[in-house]
Amino acid sequence: ERQQINKYIQRNVDFLRQARRHHAIKTGTLQERKRNEMEQYFDKIAANDPEITDVEIVGNNRFLSLNQEEKVKSGAAFENNTHVTTLQMSTLKLDCKFAVALAKSLESNSTIERVLLDSNAIADEGLSAIMASMSKNSTVIELQIRHQSKPTSSATEDELCDLLGGNTTLVKLGLDIRSQLAKIKLDKKMAQNREIQRKARVKANKK
């Protein structure tokens, strides 16, 4: 219940912020504020700053204080980035809107190898989007989305393996799956991918 109240409060704060901005634009009194340190950090990622290679944000209060728009933008920041290899964003109350934005980034990103999103609030839509993005991604080898505060439906769990499509590079997957059938299918897929990667390494070493 407290979580639901906090959600409503945050939504109302965002509405008020947007209303003040629209009023300021309408009256010609809008003054662009300076973007804070966390917002600037993701601006740098979006601008492909070569100095940022590992993103590790865990339970960060500055991130948690961002409005919904900025949180979604943080997921989209990786779309054209070619330097970040590890992405860990855990315990940040990230939801499906963030996950969908990140999924779009992962479809085109070609450098991120590890995506760690444990202890957030990603539910069916977001989880499905990220898993589907793996069908177009060939660099992510590890994906962890455990301990989400929102439950995943059995119907979504049963389709997760199929969403991976022809992916052969993801070899380590961490999900809280209740469906035994879905778990078996995903474990089998990871075993197949590990074997494919093993054979590829052997072939490469023979050259």
N, C-alpha and C. Protein backbone atom coordinates (compact mmCIF):
# COMPACT_ATOMS: atom_id res chain seq x y z
N GLU A 1 0.83 -1.21 0.00
CA GLU A 1 0.00 0.00 0.00
C GLU A 1 0.87 1.26 0.00
N ARG A 2 1.95 1.23 0.81
CA ARG A 2 2.84 2.40 0.86
C ARG A 2 3.49 2.63 -0.51
N GLN A 3 3.84 1.53 -1.19
CA GLN A 3 4.45 1.64 -2.50
C GLN A 3 3.49 2.30 -3.49
N GLN A 4 2.21 1.93 -3.39
CA GLN A 4 1.19 2.50 -4.27
C GLN A 4 1.02 3.99 -4.00
N ILE A 5 1.04 4.37 -2.72
CA ILE A 5 0.92 5.79 -2.34
C ILE A 5 2.10 6.58 -2.89
N ASN A 6 3.32 6.03 -2.73
CA ASN A 6 4.52 6.70 -3.23
C ASN A 6 4.46 6.88 -4.75
N LYS A 7 3.90 5.87 -5.43
CA LYS A 7 3.76 5.93 -6.89
C LYS A 7 2.85 7.08 -7.29
N TYR A 8 1.71 7.22 -6.57
CA TYR A 8 0.77 8.31 -6.86
C TYR A 8 1.39 9.68 -6.57
N ILE A 9 2.13 9.75 -5.48
CA ILE A 9 2.78 11.02 -5.12
C ILE A 9 3.78 11.42 -6.20
N GLN A 10 4.61 10.47 -6.65
CA GLN A 10 5.59 10.76 -7.69
C GLN A 10 4.93 11.18 -8.99
N ARG A 11 3.81 10.50 -9.31
CA ARG A 11 3.09 10.85 -10.53
C ARG A 11 2.54 12.27 -10.44
N ASN A 12 1.98 12.63 -9.27
CA ASN A 12 1.43 13.98 -9.09
C ASN A 12 2.51 15.04 -9.13
N VAL A 13 3.69 14.71 -8.57
CA VAL A 13 4.82 15.65 -8.61
C VAL A 13 5.23 15.91 -10.05
N ASP A 14 5.27 14.84 -10.86
CA ASP A 14 5.62 14.98 -12.28
C ASP A 14 4.58 15.82 -13.01
N PHE A 15 3.29 15.60 -12.70
CA PHE A 15 2.22 16.38 -13.33
C PHE A 15 2.37 17.87 -12.99
N LEU A 16 2.65 18.15 -11.72
CA LEU A 16 2.82 19.54 -11.28
C LEU A 16 4.01 20.20 -11.98
N ARG A 17 5.09 19.44 -12.08
CA ARG A 17 6.30 19.96 -12.73
C ARG A 17 6.01 20.29 -14.19
N GLN A 18 5.29 19.40 -14.86
CA GLN A 18 4.95 19.63 -16.26
C GLN A 18 4.01 20.81 -16.42
N ALA A 19 3.06 20.94 -15.49
CA ALA A 19 2.09 22.06 -15.54
C ALA A 19 2.80 23.40 -15.37
N ARG A 20 3.75 23.45 -14.42
CA ARG A 20 4.51 24.69 -14.21
C ARG A 20 5.33 25.04 -15.46
N ARG A 21 5.90 24.02 -16.09
CA ARG A 21 6.70 24.26 -17.29
C ARG A 21 5.84 24.80 -18.42
N HIS A 22 4.66 24.18 -18.63
CA HIS A 22 3.76 24.64 -19.69
C HIS A 22 3.30 26.08 -19.43
N HIS A 23 3.03 26.39 -18.16
CA HIS A 23 2.61 27.76 -17.81
C HIS A 23 3.73 28.75 -18.09
N ALA A 24 4.96 28.36 -17.75
CA ALA A 24 6.10 29.26 -17.95
C ALA A 24 6.34 29.50 -19.44
N ILE A 25 6.16 28.43 -20.25
CA ILE A 25 6.32 28.58 -21.70
C ILE A 25 5.25 29.52 -22.26
N LYS A 26 4.02 29.33 -21.76
CA LYS A 26 2.89 30.13 -22.25
C LYS A 26 3.04 31.60 -21.89
N THR A 27 3.59 31.86 -20.71
CA THR A 27 3.72 33.24 -20.24
C THR A 27 5.07 33.86 -20.60
N GLY A 28 5.93 33.07 -21.24
CA GLY A 28 7.23 33.59 -21.65
C GLY A 28 8.20 33.78 -20.50
N THR A 29 7.99 33.08 -19.40
CA THR A 29 8.88 33.25 -18.23
C THR A 29 9.75 32.02 -17.99
N LEU A 30 9.78 31.11 -18.98
CA LEU A 30 10.55 29.88 -18.80
C LEU A 30 12.05 30.16 -18.76
N GLN A 31 12.69 29.67 -17.74
CA GLN A 31 14.14 29.75 -17.63
C GLN A 31 14.67 28.32 -17.55
N GLU A 32 15.46 27.96 -18.54
CA GLU A 32 15.99 26.59 -18.56
C GLU A 32 16.92 26.38 -17.36
N ARG A 33 16.60 25.35 -16.56
CA ARG A 33 17.45 25.05 -15.42
C ARG A 33 18.69 24.30 -15.87
N LYS A 34 19.70 24.36 -15.08
CA LYS A 34 20.92 23.60 -15.37
C LYS A 34 20.66 22.13 -15.06
N ARG A 35 21.03 21.27 -16.00
CA ARG A 35 20.82 19.84 -15.79
C ARG A 35 21.71 19.34 -14.68
N ASN A 36 21.15 18.49 -13.81
CA ASN A 36 21.91 18.04 -12.65
C ASN A 36 22.97 17.01 -13.04
N GLU A 37 23.76 16.62 -12.07
CA GLU A 37 24.91 15.75 -12.33
C GLU A 37 24.51 14.41 -12.95
N MET A 38 23.43 13.80 -12.47
CA MET A 38 22.99 12.51 -13.00
C MET A 38 22.48 12.65 -14.43
N GLU A 39 21.73 13.71 -14.70
CA GLU A 39 21.23 13.94 -16.05
C GLU A 39 22.38 14.17 -17.02
N GLN A 40 23.38 14.93 -16.58
CA GLN A 40 24.55 15.19 -17.41
C GLN A 40 25.34 13.91 -17.68
N TYR A 41 25.35 13.01 -16.72
CA TYR A 41 26.04 11.73 -16.88
C TYR A 41 25.46 10.94 -18.04
N PHE A 42 24.13 10.87 -18.10
CA PHE A 42 23.49 10.14 -19.19
C PHE A 42 23.55 10.92 -20.51
N ASP A 43 23.63 12.25 -20.42
CA ASP A 43 23.85 13.05 -21.63
C ASP A 43 25.20 12.68 -22.25
N LYS A 44 26.20 12.45 -21.41
CA LYS A 44 27.54 12.07 -21.89
C LYS A 44 27.50 10.69 -22.54
N ILE A 45 26.74 9.77 -21.94
CA ILE A 45 26.61 8.44 -22.53
C ILE A 45 25.95 8.53 -23.89
N ALA A 46 24.91 9.34 -23.99
CA ALA A 46 24.20 9.52 -25.26
C ALA A 46 25.11 10.16 -26.31
N ALA A 47 26.04 11.00 -25.83
CA ALA A 47 26.98 11.68 -26.72
C ALA A 47 28.21 10.82 -27.01
N ASN A 48 28.21 9.59 -26.50
CA ASN A 48 29.28 8.61 -26.76
C ASN A 48 30.62 9.01 -26.16
N ASP A 49 30.58 9.47 -24.91
CA ASP A 49 31.81 9.85 -24.20
C ASP A 49 32.69 8.61 -24.03
N PRO A 50 33.91 8.60 -24.59
CA PRO A 50 34.78 7.42 -24.51
C PRO A 50 35.30 7.10 -23.11
N GLU A 51 35.18 8.05 -22.19
CA GLU A 51 35.68 7.83 -20.83
C GLU A 51 34.72 6.99 -19.98
N ILE A 52 33.49 6.83 -20.44
CA ILE A 52 32.51 6.03 -19.69
C ILE A 52 32.40 4.66 -20.34
N THR A 53 32.93 3.63 -19.67
CA THR A 53 32.89 2.26 -20.20
C THR A 53 32.09 1.32 -19.31
N ASP A 54 31.99 1.65 -18.04
CA ASP A 54 31.22 0.83 -17.10
C ASP A 54 30.21 1.72 -16.38
N VAL A 55 28.95 1.38 -16.49
CA VAL A 55 27.89 2.12 -15.81
C VAL A 55 27.42 1.28 -14.64
N GLU A 56 27.61 1.79 -13.44
CA GLU A 56 27.22 1.06 -12.23
C GLU A 56 26.46 2.00 -11.31
N ILE A 57 25.14 1.89 -11.33
CA ILE A 57 24.27 2.75 -10.51
C ILE A 57 23.37 1.83 -9.70
N VAL A 58 23.59 1.80 -8.41
CA VAL A 58 22.84 0.89 -7.53
C VAL A 58 22.23 1.68 -6.37
N GLY A 59 20.91 1.72 -6.31
CA GLY A 59 20.22 2.40 -5.22
C GLY A 59 20.62 3.85 -5.05
N ASN A 60 20.93 4.50 -6.15
CA ASN A 60 21.43 5.87 -6.11
C ASN A 60 20.28 6.87 -5.92
N ASN A 61 20.35 7.66 -4.85
CA ASN A 61 19.27 8.61 -4.54
C ASN A 61 19.12 9.70 -5.59
N ARG A 62 20.23 10.10 -6.20
CA ARG A 62 20.15 11.12 -7.24
C ARG A 62 19.39 10.60 -8.45
N PHE A 63 19.61 9.33 -8.78
CA PHE A 63 18.85 8.75 -9.89
C PHE A 63 17.39 8.60 -9.50
N LEU A 64 17.13 8.12 -8.29
CA LEU A 64 15.76 7.91 -7.83
C LEU A 64 14.96 9.22 -7.82
N SER A 65 15.64 10.34 -7.69
CA SER A 65 14.94 11.64 -7.65
C SER A 65 14.64 12.19 -9.04
N LEU A 66 15.14 11.55 -10.09
CA LEU A 66 14.85 12.00 -11.45
C LEU A 66 13.36 11.83 -11.77
N ASN A 67 12.84 12.69 -12.63
CA ASN A 67 11.45 12.51 -13.05
C ASN A 67 11.36 11.37 -14.06
N GLN A 68 10.13 10.97 -14.36
CA GLN A 68 9.90 9.81 -15.23
C GLN A 68 10.54 10.00 -16.60
N GLU A 69 10.44 11.19 -17.15
CA GLU A 69 10.98 11.46 -18.48
C GLU A 69 12.49 11.22 -18.52
N GLU A 70 13.18 11.69 -17.49
CA GLU A 70 14.64 11.55 -17.46
C GLU A 70 15.05 10.08 -17.25
N LYS A 71 14.26 9.34 -16.48
CA LYS A 71 14.56 7.92 -16.28
C LYS A 71 14.43 7.16 -17.59
N VAL A 72 13.39 7.47 -18.36
CA VAL A 72 13.21 6.82 -19.66
C VAL A 72 14.35 7.21 -20.60
N LYS A 73 14.75 8.47 -20.57
CA LYS A 73 15.85 8.94 -21.42
C LYS A 73 17.15 8.23 -21.08
N SER A 74 17.31 7.85 -19.81
CA SER A 74 18.54 7.15 -19.42
C SER A 74 18.62 5.80 -20.11
N GLY A 75 17.47 5.16 -20.32
CA GLY A 75 17.45 3.88 -21.03
C GLY A 75 17.76 4.05 -22.51
N ALA A 76 17.32 5.17 -23.06
CA ALA A 76 17.54 5.44 -24.49
C ALA A 76 18.96 5.92 -24.78
N ALA A 77 19.69 6.31 -23.75
CA ALA A 77 21.02 6.91 -23.93
C ALA A 77 22.04 5.97 -24.55
N PHE A 78 21.79 4.66 -24.49
CA PHE A 78 22.79 3.68 -24.94
C PHE A 78 22.64 3.30 -26.41
N GLU A 79 21.65 3.83 -27.08
CA GLU A 79 21.33 3.39 -28.44
C GLU A 79 22.52 3.50 -29.40
N ASN A 80 23.21 4.63 -29.37
CA ASN A 80 24.32 4.84 -30.30
C ASN A 80 25.68 4.87 -29.61
N ASN A 81 25.69 4.41 -28.36
CA ASN A 81 26.96 4.41 -27.61
C ASN A 81 27.82 3.23 -28.04
N THR A 82 29.13 3.49 -28.18
CA THR A 82 30.05 2.43 -28.62
C THR A 82 31.19 2.20 -27.62
N HIS A 83 31.02 2.65 -26.38
CA HIS A 83 32.09 2.52 -25.40
C HIS A 83 31.68 1.74 -24.14
N VAL A 84 30.43 1.83 -23.74
CA VAL A 84 29.97 1.14 -22.53
C VAL A 84 29.91 -0.36 -22.79
N THR A 85 30.53 -1.15 -21.91
CA THR A 85 30.50 -2.61 -22.05
C THR A 85 29.71 -3.28 -20.93
N THR A 86 29.63 -2.63 -19.77
CA THR A 86 28.87 -3.18 -18.65
C THR A 86 27.84 -2.17 -18.18
N LEU A 87 26.60 -2.61 -18.07
CA LEU A 87 25.50 -1.75 -17.63
C LEU A 87 24.83 -2.37 -16.41
N GLN A 88 25.04 -1.77 -15.26
CA GLN A 88 24.37 -2.23 -14.04
C GLN A 88 23.53 -1.10 -13.47
N MET A 89 22.22 -1.30 -13.46
CA MET A 89 21.30 -0.33 -12.88
C MET A 89 20.32 -1.12 -12.01
N SER A 90 20.64 -1.22 -10.73
CA SER A 90 19.86 -2.06 -9.81
C SER A 90 19.32 -1.25 -8.64
N THR A 91 18.21 -1.74 -8.09
CA THR A 91 17.57 -1.11 -6.93
C THR A 91 17.26 0.36 -7.21
N LEU A 92 16.63 0.61 -8.37
CA LEU A 92 16.34 1.98 -8.79
C LEU A 92 14.85 2.17 -9.13
N LYS A 93 14.02 1.16 -8.85
CA LYS A 93 12.59 1.22 -9.15
C LYS A 93 12.31 1.43 -10.64
N LEU A 94 13.21 0.93 -11.49
CA LEU A 94 13.03 1.06 -12.93
C LEU A 94 11.81 0.26 -13.37
N ASP A 95 10.98 0.87 -14.24
CA ASP A 95 9.73 0.22 -14.64
C ASP A 95 9.75 -0.18 -16.11
N CYS A 96 8.58 -0.54 -16.63
CA CYS A 96 8.48 -1.02 -18.00
C CYS A 96 8.81 0.06 -19.03
N LYS A 97 8.48 1.32 -18.73
CA LYS A 97 8.79 2.39 -19.69
C LYS A 97 10.30 2.50 -19.88
N PHE A 98 11.05 2.42 -18.79
CA PHE A 98 12.51 2.42 -18.90
C PHE A 98 12.97 1.20 -19.68
N ALA A 99 12.43 0.03 -19.35
CA ALA A 99 12.85 -1.22 -19.98
C ALA A 99 12.61 -1.21 -21.48
N VAL A 100 11.47 -0.67 -21.90
CA VAL A 100 11.16 -0.59 -23.33
C VAL A 100 12.17 0.33 -24.04
N ALA A 101 12.52 1.45 -23.39
CA ALA A 101 13.50 2.37 -23.97
C ALA A 101 14.87 1.70 -24.06
N LEU A 102 15.25 0.99 -23.01
CA LEU A 102 16.54 0.29 -23.01
C LEU A 102 16.55 -0.81 -24.07
N ALA A 103 15.44 -1.51 -24.20
CA ALA A 103 15.34 -2.58 -25.20
C ALA A 103 15.60 -2.05 -26.60
N LYS A 104 15.05 -0.89 -26.90
CA LYS A 104 15.27 -0.27 -28.22
C LYS A 104 16.76 0.04 -28.40
N SER A 105 17.41 0.49 -27.31
CA SER A 105 18.84 0.76 -27.38
C SER A 105 19.63 -0.52 -27.66
N LEU A 106 19.25 -1.59 -26.97
CA LEU A 106 19.98 -2.86 -27.10
C LEU A 106 19.83 -3.47 -28.49
N GLU A 107 18.77 -3.14 -29.19
CA GLU A 107 18.58 -3.66 -30.54
C GLU A 107 19.68 -3.19 -31.48
N SER A 108 20.20 -1.99 -31.24
CA SER A 108 21.22 -1.44 -32.14
C SER A 108 22.61 -1.34 -31.49
N ASN A 109 22.67 -1.41 -30.17
CA ASN A 109 23.97 -1.31 -29.49
C ASN A 109 24.83 -2.53 -29.81
N SER A 110 26.13 -2.29 -30.02
CA SER A 110 27.02 -3.39 -30.40
C SER A 110 28.26 -3.50 -29.50
N THR A 111 28.19 -2.93 -28.30
CA THR A 111 29.35 -3.02 -27.40
C THR A 111 29.00 -3.52 -26.00
N ILE A 112 27.78 -3.32 -25.55
CA ILE A 112 27.40 -3.76 -24.20
C ILE A 112 27.43 -5.29 -24.14
N GLU A 113 28.13 -5.81 -23.12
CA GLU A 113 28.25 -7.26 -22.95
C GLU A 113 27.46 -7.77 -21.75
N ARG A 114 27.29 -6.92 -20.75
CA ARG A 114 26.59 -7.34 -19.54
C ARG A 114 25.51 -6.32 -19.17
N VAL A 115 24.29 -6.82 -18.93
CA VAL A 115 23.16 -5.98 -18.54
C VAL A 115 22.61 -6.54 -17.23
N LEU A 116 22.74 -5.76 -16.16
CA LEU A 116 22.35 -6.20 -14.83
C LEU A 116 21.28 -5.25 -14.28
N LEU A 117 20.06 -5.76 -14.17
CA LEU A 117 18.91 -4.92 -13.79
C LEU A 117 18.15 -5.50 -12.60
N ASP A 118 18.84 -6.11 -11.67
CA ASP A 118 18.20 -6.74 -10.52
C ASP A 118 17.50 -5.72 -9.62
N SER A 119 16.48 -6.19 -8.92
CA SER A 119 15.80 -5.43 -7.86
C SER A 119 15.22 -4.11 -8.35
N ASN A 120 14.42 -4.20 -9.42
CA ASN A 120 13.70 -3.04 -9.91
C ASN A 120 12.19 -3.33 -9.93
N ALA A 121 11.46 -2.74 -10.86
CA ALA A 121 10.00 -2.95 -10.92
C ALA A 121 9.58 -3.24 -12.35
N ILE A 122 10.38 -4.06 -13.04
CA ILE A 122 10.11 -4.40 -14.44
C ILE A 122 9.14 -5.57 -14.51
N ALA A 123 8.02 -5.37 -15.18
CA ALA A 123 6.99 -6.41 -15.28
C ALA A 123 6.91 -6.96 -16.71
N ASP A 124 5.78 -7.52 -17.07
CA ASP A 124 5.63 -8.25 -18.33
C ASP A 124 6.10 -7.50 -19.57
N GLU A 125 5.57 -6.29 -19.78
CA GLU A 125 5.89 -5.55 -21.00
C GLU A 125 7.38 -5.27 -21.12
N GLY A 126 7.98 -4.81 -20.02
CA GLY A 126 9.40 -4.47 -20.05
C GLY A 126 10.29 -5.68 -20.22
N LEU A 127 9.96 -6.76 -19.51
CA LEU A 127 10.76 -7.99 -19.62
C LEU A 127 10.67 -8.55 -21.03
N SER A 128 9.48 -8.58 -21.59
CA SER A 128 9.30 -9.09 -22.96
C SER A 128 10.09 -8.25 -23.96
N ALA A 129 10.09 -6.94 -23.78
CA ALA A 129 10.79 -6.04 -24.70
C ALA A 129 12.30 -6.30 -24.66
N ILE A 130 12.85 -6.45 -23.46
CA ILE A 130 14.29 -6.68 -23.34
C ILE A 130 14.67 -8.05 -23.92
N MET A 131 13.87 -9.07 -23.62
CA MET A 131 14.17 -10.40 -24.17
C MET A 131 14.08 -10.38 -25.69
N ALA A 132 13.09 -9.70 -26.24
CA ALA A 132 12.93 -9.61 -27.70
C ALA A 132 14.09 -8.86 -28.34
N SER A 133 14.65 -7.88 -27.62
CA SER A 133 15.77 -7.12 -28.16
C SER A 133 17.00 -8.00 -28.37
N MET A 134 17.08 -9.09 -27.60
CA MET A 134 18.21 -10.00 -27.73
C MET A 134 18.22 -10.72 -29.09
N SER A 135 17.07 -10.78 -29.74
CA SER A 135 17.00 -11.43 -31.06
C SER A 135 17.73 -10.59 -32.11
N LYS A 136 17.96 -9.30 -31.79
CA LYS A 136 18.65 -8.40 -32.72
C LYS A 136 20.02 -7.99 -32.19
N ASN A 137 20.38 -8.50 -31.01
CA ASN A 137 21.65 -8.12 -30.38
C ASN A 137 22.63 -9.29 -30.45
N SER A 138 23.89 -8.98 -30.72
CA SER A 138 24.88 -10.06 -30.84
C SER A 138 26.10 -9.85 -29.94
N THR A 139 25.97 -8.97 -28.93
CA THR A 139 27.11 -8.72 -28.04
C THR A 139 26.83 -9.01 -26.57
N VAL A 140 25.59 -8.92 -26.14
CA VAL A 140 25.27 -9.17 -24.73
C VAL A 140 25.45 -10.66 -24.44
N ILE A 141 26.32 -10.96 -23.45
CA ILE A 141 26.55 -12.36 -23.06
C ILE A 141 25.90 -12.68 -21.72
N GLU A 142 25.59 -11.64 -20.94
CA GLU A 142 24.96 -11.85 -19.63
C GLU A 142 23.81 -10.88 -19.43
N LEU A 143 22.67 -11.42 -19.00
CA LEU A 143 21.49 -10.61 -18.73
C LEU A 143 20.88 -11.05 -17.40
N GLN A 144 20.81 -10.13 -16.43
CA GLN A 144 20.27 -10.44 -15.11
C GLN A 144 19.09 -9.51 -14.82
N ILE A 145 17.91 -10.09 -14.62
CA ILE A 145 16.73 -9.29 -14.28
C ILE A 145 16.00 -10.02 -13.15
N ARG A 146 16.65 -10.20 -12.04
CA ARG A 146 16.07 -10.92 -10.90
C ARG A 146 15.43 -9.95 -9.89
N HIS A 147 14.64 -10.53 -9.00
CA HIS A 147 14.11 -9.83 -7.82
C HIS A 147 13.35 -8.55 -8.17
N GLN A 148 12.46 -8.65 -9.15
CA GLN A 148 11.61 -7.50 -9.50
C GLN A 148 10.44 -7.42 -8.53
N SER A 149 10.02 -6.20 -8.22
CA SER A 149 8.90 -6.02 -7.28
C SER A 149 7.56 -6.32 -7.94
N LYS A 150 7.53 -6.36 -9.26
CA LYS A 150 6.29 -6.67 -9.99
C LYS A 150 6.35 -8.11 -10.48
N PRO A 151 5.27 -8.88 -10.32
CA PRO A 151 5.26 -10.27 -10.77
C PRO A 151 5.16 -10.38 -12.29
N THR A 152 5.62 -11.49 -12.81
CA THR A 152 5.51 -11.77 -14.24
C THR A 152 4.45 -12.85 -14.45
N SER A 153 3.61 -12.68 -15.44
CA SER A 153 2.54 -13.65 -15.68
C SER A 153 3.10 -14.93 -16.28
N SER A 154 2.37 -16.01 -16.11
CA SER A 154 2.77 -17.31 -16.68
C SER A 154 2.81 -17.24 -18.19
N ALA A 155 1.87 -16.50 -18.78
CA ALA A 155 1.82 -16.38 -20.25
C ALA A 155 3.09 -15.72 -20.78
N THR A 156 3.56 -14.69 -20.07
CA THR A 156 4.79 -14.01 -20.48
C THR A 156 6.00 -14.93 -20.32
N GLU A 157 6.05 -15.61 -19.17
CA GLU A 157 7.17 -16.53 -18.92
C GLU A 157 7.27 -17.58 -20.03
N ASP A 158 6.14 -18.10 -20.46
CA ASP A 158 6.14 -19.18 -21.45
C ASP A 158 6.62 -18.73 -22.83
N GLU A 159 6.57 -17.43 -23.10
CA GLU A 159 6.99 -16.96 -24.42
C GLU A 159 8.40 -16.37 -24.43
N LEU A 160 9.05 -16.27 -23.27
CA LEU A 160 10.35 -15.61 -23.18
C LEU A 160 11.41 -16.27 -24.06
N CYS A 161 11.45 -17.59 -24.05
CA CYS A 161 12.47 -18.29 -24.85
C CYS A 161 12.29 -18.00 -26.33
N ASP A 162 11.04 -18.02 -26.79
CA ASP A 162 10.76 -17.76 -28.21
C ASP A 162 11.17 -16.34 -28.60
N LEU A 163 11.06 -15.40 -27.66
CA LEU A 163 11.41 -14.00 -27.94
C LEU A 163 12.89 -13.83 -28.25
N LEU A 164 13.72 -14.75 -27.75
CA LEU A 164 15.16 -14.66 -28.01
C LEU A 164 15.49 -14.92 -29.48
N GLY A 165 14.56 -15.55 -30.17
CA GLY A 165 14.75 -15.79 -31.60
C GLY A 165 16.02 -16.58 -31.89
N GLY A 166 16.81 -16.08 -32.84
CA GLY A 166 18.03 -16.77 -33.25
C GLY A 166 19.27 -16.35 -32.50
N ASN A 167 19.11 -15.72 -31.35
CA ASN A 167 20.27 -15.28 -30.57
C ASN A 167 21.18 -16.46 -30.23
N THR A 168 22.49 -16.27 -30.44
CA THR A 168 23.46 -17.32 -30.12
C THR A 168 24.55 -16.84 -29.17
N THR A 169 24.47 -15.59 -28.74
CA THR A 169 25.56 -15.01 -27.95
C THR A 169 25.24 -14.88 -26.46
N LEU A 170 23.97 -14.84 -26.09
CA LEU A 170 23.59 -14.76 -24.68
C LEU A 170 23.82 -16.12 -24.02
N VAL A 171 24.71 -16.16 -23.03
CA VAL A 171 25.06 -17.46 -22.42
C VAL A 171 24.77 -17.51 -20.92
N LYS A 172 24.46 -16.35 -20.32
CA LYS A 172 24.16 -16.33 -18.89
C LYS A 172 22.92 -15.48 -18.67
N LEU A 173 21.85 -16.12 -18.15
CA LEU A 173 20.56 -15.44 -17.99
C LEU A 173 20.03 -15.65 -16.58
N GLY A 174 19.72 -14.56 -15.90
CA GLY A 174 19.18 -14.64 -14.54
C GLY A 174 17.79 -14.06 -14.47
N LEU A 175 16.79 -14.93 -14.31
CA LEU A 175 15.40 -14.50 -14.18
C LEU A 175 14.73 -15.31 -13.07
N ASP A 176 13.74 -14.72 -12.43
CA ASP A 176 12.95 -15.46 -11.44
C ASP A 176 11.75 -16.06 -12.16
N ILE A 177 11.89 -17.30 -12.58
CA ILE A 177 10.85 -17.97 -13.37
C ILE A 177 10.12 -19.00 -12.51
N ARG A 178 8.79 -18.90 -12.49
CA ARG A 178 7.98 -19.88 -11.74
C ARG A 178 7.58 -21.06 -12.61
N SER A 179 7.37 -20.81 -13.89
CA SER A 179 6.95 -21.86 -14.82
C SER A 179 8.12 -22.81 -15.07
N GLN A 180 7.95 -24.08 -14.72
CA GLN A 180 9.01 -25.07 -14.93
C GLN A 180 9.29 -25.28 -16.40
N LEU A 181 8.25 -25.27 -17.22
CA LEU A 181 8.42 -25.45 -18.66
C LEU A 181 9.27 -24.32 -19.25
N ALA A 182 8.94 -23.08 -18.84
CA ALA A 182 9.70 -21.92 -19.33
C ALA A 182 11.15 -22.00 -18.87
N LYS A 183 11.36 -22.42 -17.64
CA LYS A 183 12.72 -22.53 -17.10
C LYS A 183 13.53 -23.57 -17.87
N ILE A 184 12.91 -24.70 -18.16
CA ILE A 184 13.58 -25.77 -18.91
C ILE A 184 13.97 -25.28 -20.32
N LYS A 185 13.04 -24.59 -20.96
CA LYS A 185 13.30 -24.08 -22.32
C LYS A 185 14.45 -23.07 -22.32
N LEU A 186 14.46 -22.16 -21.34
CA LEU A 186 15.51 -21.15 -21.26
C LEU A 186 16.86 -21.77 -20.91
N ASP A 187 16.86 -22.73 -19.98
CA ASP A 187 18.11 -23.42 -19.63
C ASP A 187 18.69 -24.15 -20.84
N LYS A 188 17.81 -24.77 -21.62
CA LYS A 188 18.24 -25.49 -22.82
C LYS A 188 18.83 -24.52 -23.84
N LYS A 189 18.18 -23.36 -23.99
CA LYS A 189 18.65 -22.34 -24.93
C LYS A 189 20.03 -21.83 -24.53
N MET A 190 20.24 -21.57 -23.23
CA MET A 190 21.54 -21.09 -22.76
C MET A 190 22.62 -22.16 -22.98
N ALA A 191 22.28 -23.42 -22.76
CA ALA A 191 23.23 -24.52 -22.98
C ALA A 191 23.62 -24.60 -24.45
N GLN A 192 22.63 -24.44 -25.34
CA GLN A 192 22.91 -24.45 -26.77
C GLN A 192 23.83 -23.29 -27.17
N ASN A 193 23.54 -22.11 -26.62
CA ASN A 193 24.37 -20.94 -26.94
C ASN A 193 25.80 -21.12 -26.43
N ARG A 194 25.96 -21.67 -25.24
CA ARG A 194 27.30 -21.91 -24.70
C ARG A 194 28.08 -22.88 -25.59
N GLU A 195 27.39 -23.89 -26.11
CA GLU A 195 28.05 -24.86 -27.00
C GLU A 195 28.45 -24.21 -28.32
N ILE A 196 27.57 -23.36 -28.84
CA ILE A 196 27.87 -22.63 -30.08
C ILE A 196 29.09 -21.74 -29.89
N GLN A 197 29.16 -21.04 -28.76
CA GLN A 197 30.29 -20.16 -28.49
C GLN A 197 31.56 -20.95 -28.26
N ARG A 198 31.45 -22.11 -27.62
CA ARG A 198 32.64 -22.96 -27.40
C ARG A 198 33.22 -23.40 -28.73
N LYS A 199 32.36 -23.86 -29.65
CA LYS A 199 32.81 -24.31 -30.95
C LYS A 199 33.43 -23.16 -31.75
N ALA A 200 32.86 -21.97 -31.58
CA ALA A 200 33.39 -20.80 -32.28
C ALA A 200 34.79 -20.46 -31.78
N ARG A 201 35.02 -20.60 -30.47
CA ARG A 201 36.35 -20.32 -29.91
C ARG A 201 37.36 -21.36 -30.39
N VAL A 202 36.95 -22.62 -30.41
CA VAL A 202 37.84 -23.68 -30.88
C VAL A 202 38.24 -23.44 -32.34
N LYS A 203 37.27 -23.08 -33.15
CA LYS A 203 37.52 -22.81 -34.56
C LYS A 203 38.47 -21.63 -34.73
N ALA A 204 38.25 -20.60 -33.91
CA ALA A 204 39.10 -19.40 -34.00
C ALA A 204 40.53 -19.70 -33.59
N ASN A 205 40.71 -20.57 -32.60
CA ASN A 205 42.05 -20.92 -32.12
C ASN A 205 42.83 -21.76 -33.12
N LYS A 206 42.12 -22.45 -34.01
CA LYS A 206 42.78 -23.30 -34.99
C LYS A 206 43.34 -22.50 -36.17
N LYS A 207 42.85 -21.27 -36.30
CA LYS A 207 43.31 -20.43 -37.43
C LYS A 207 44.73 -19.93 -37.21
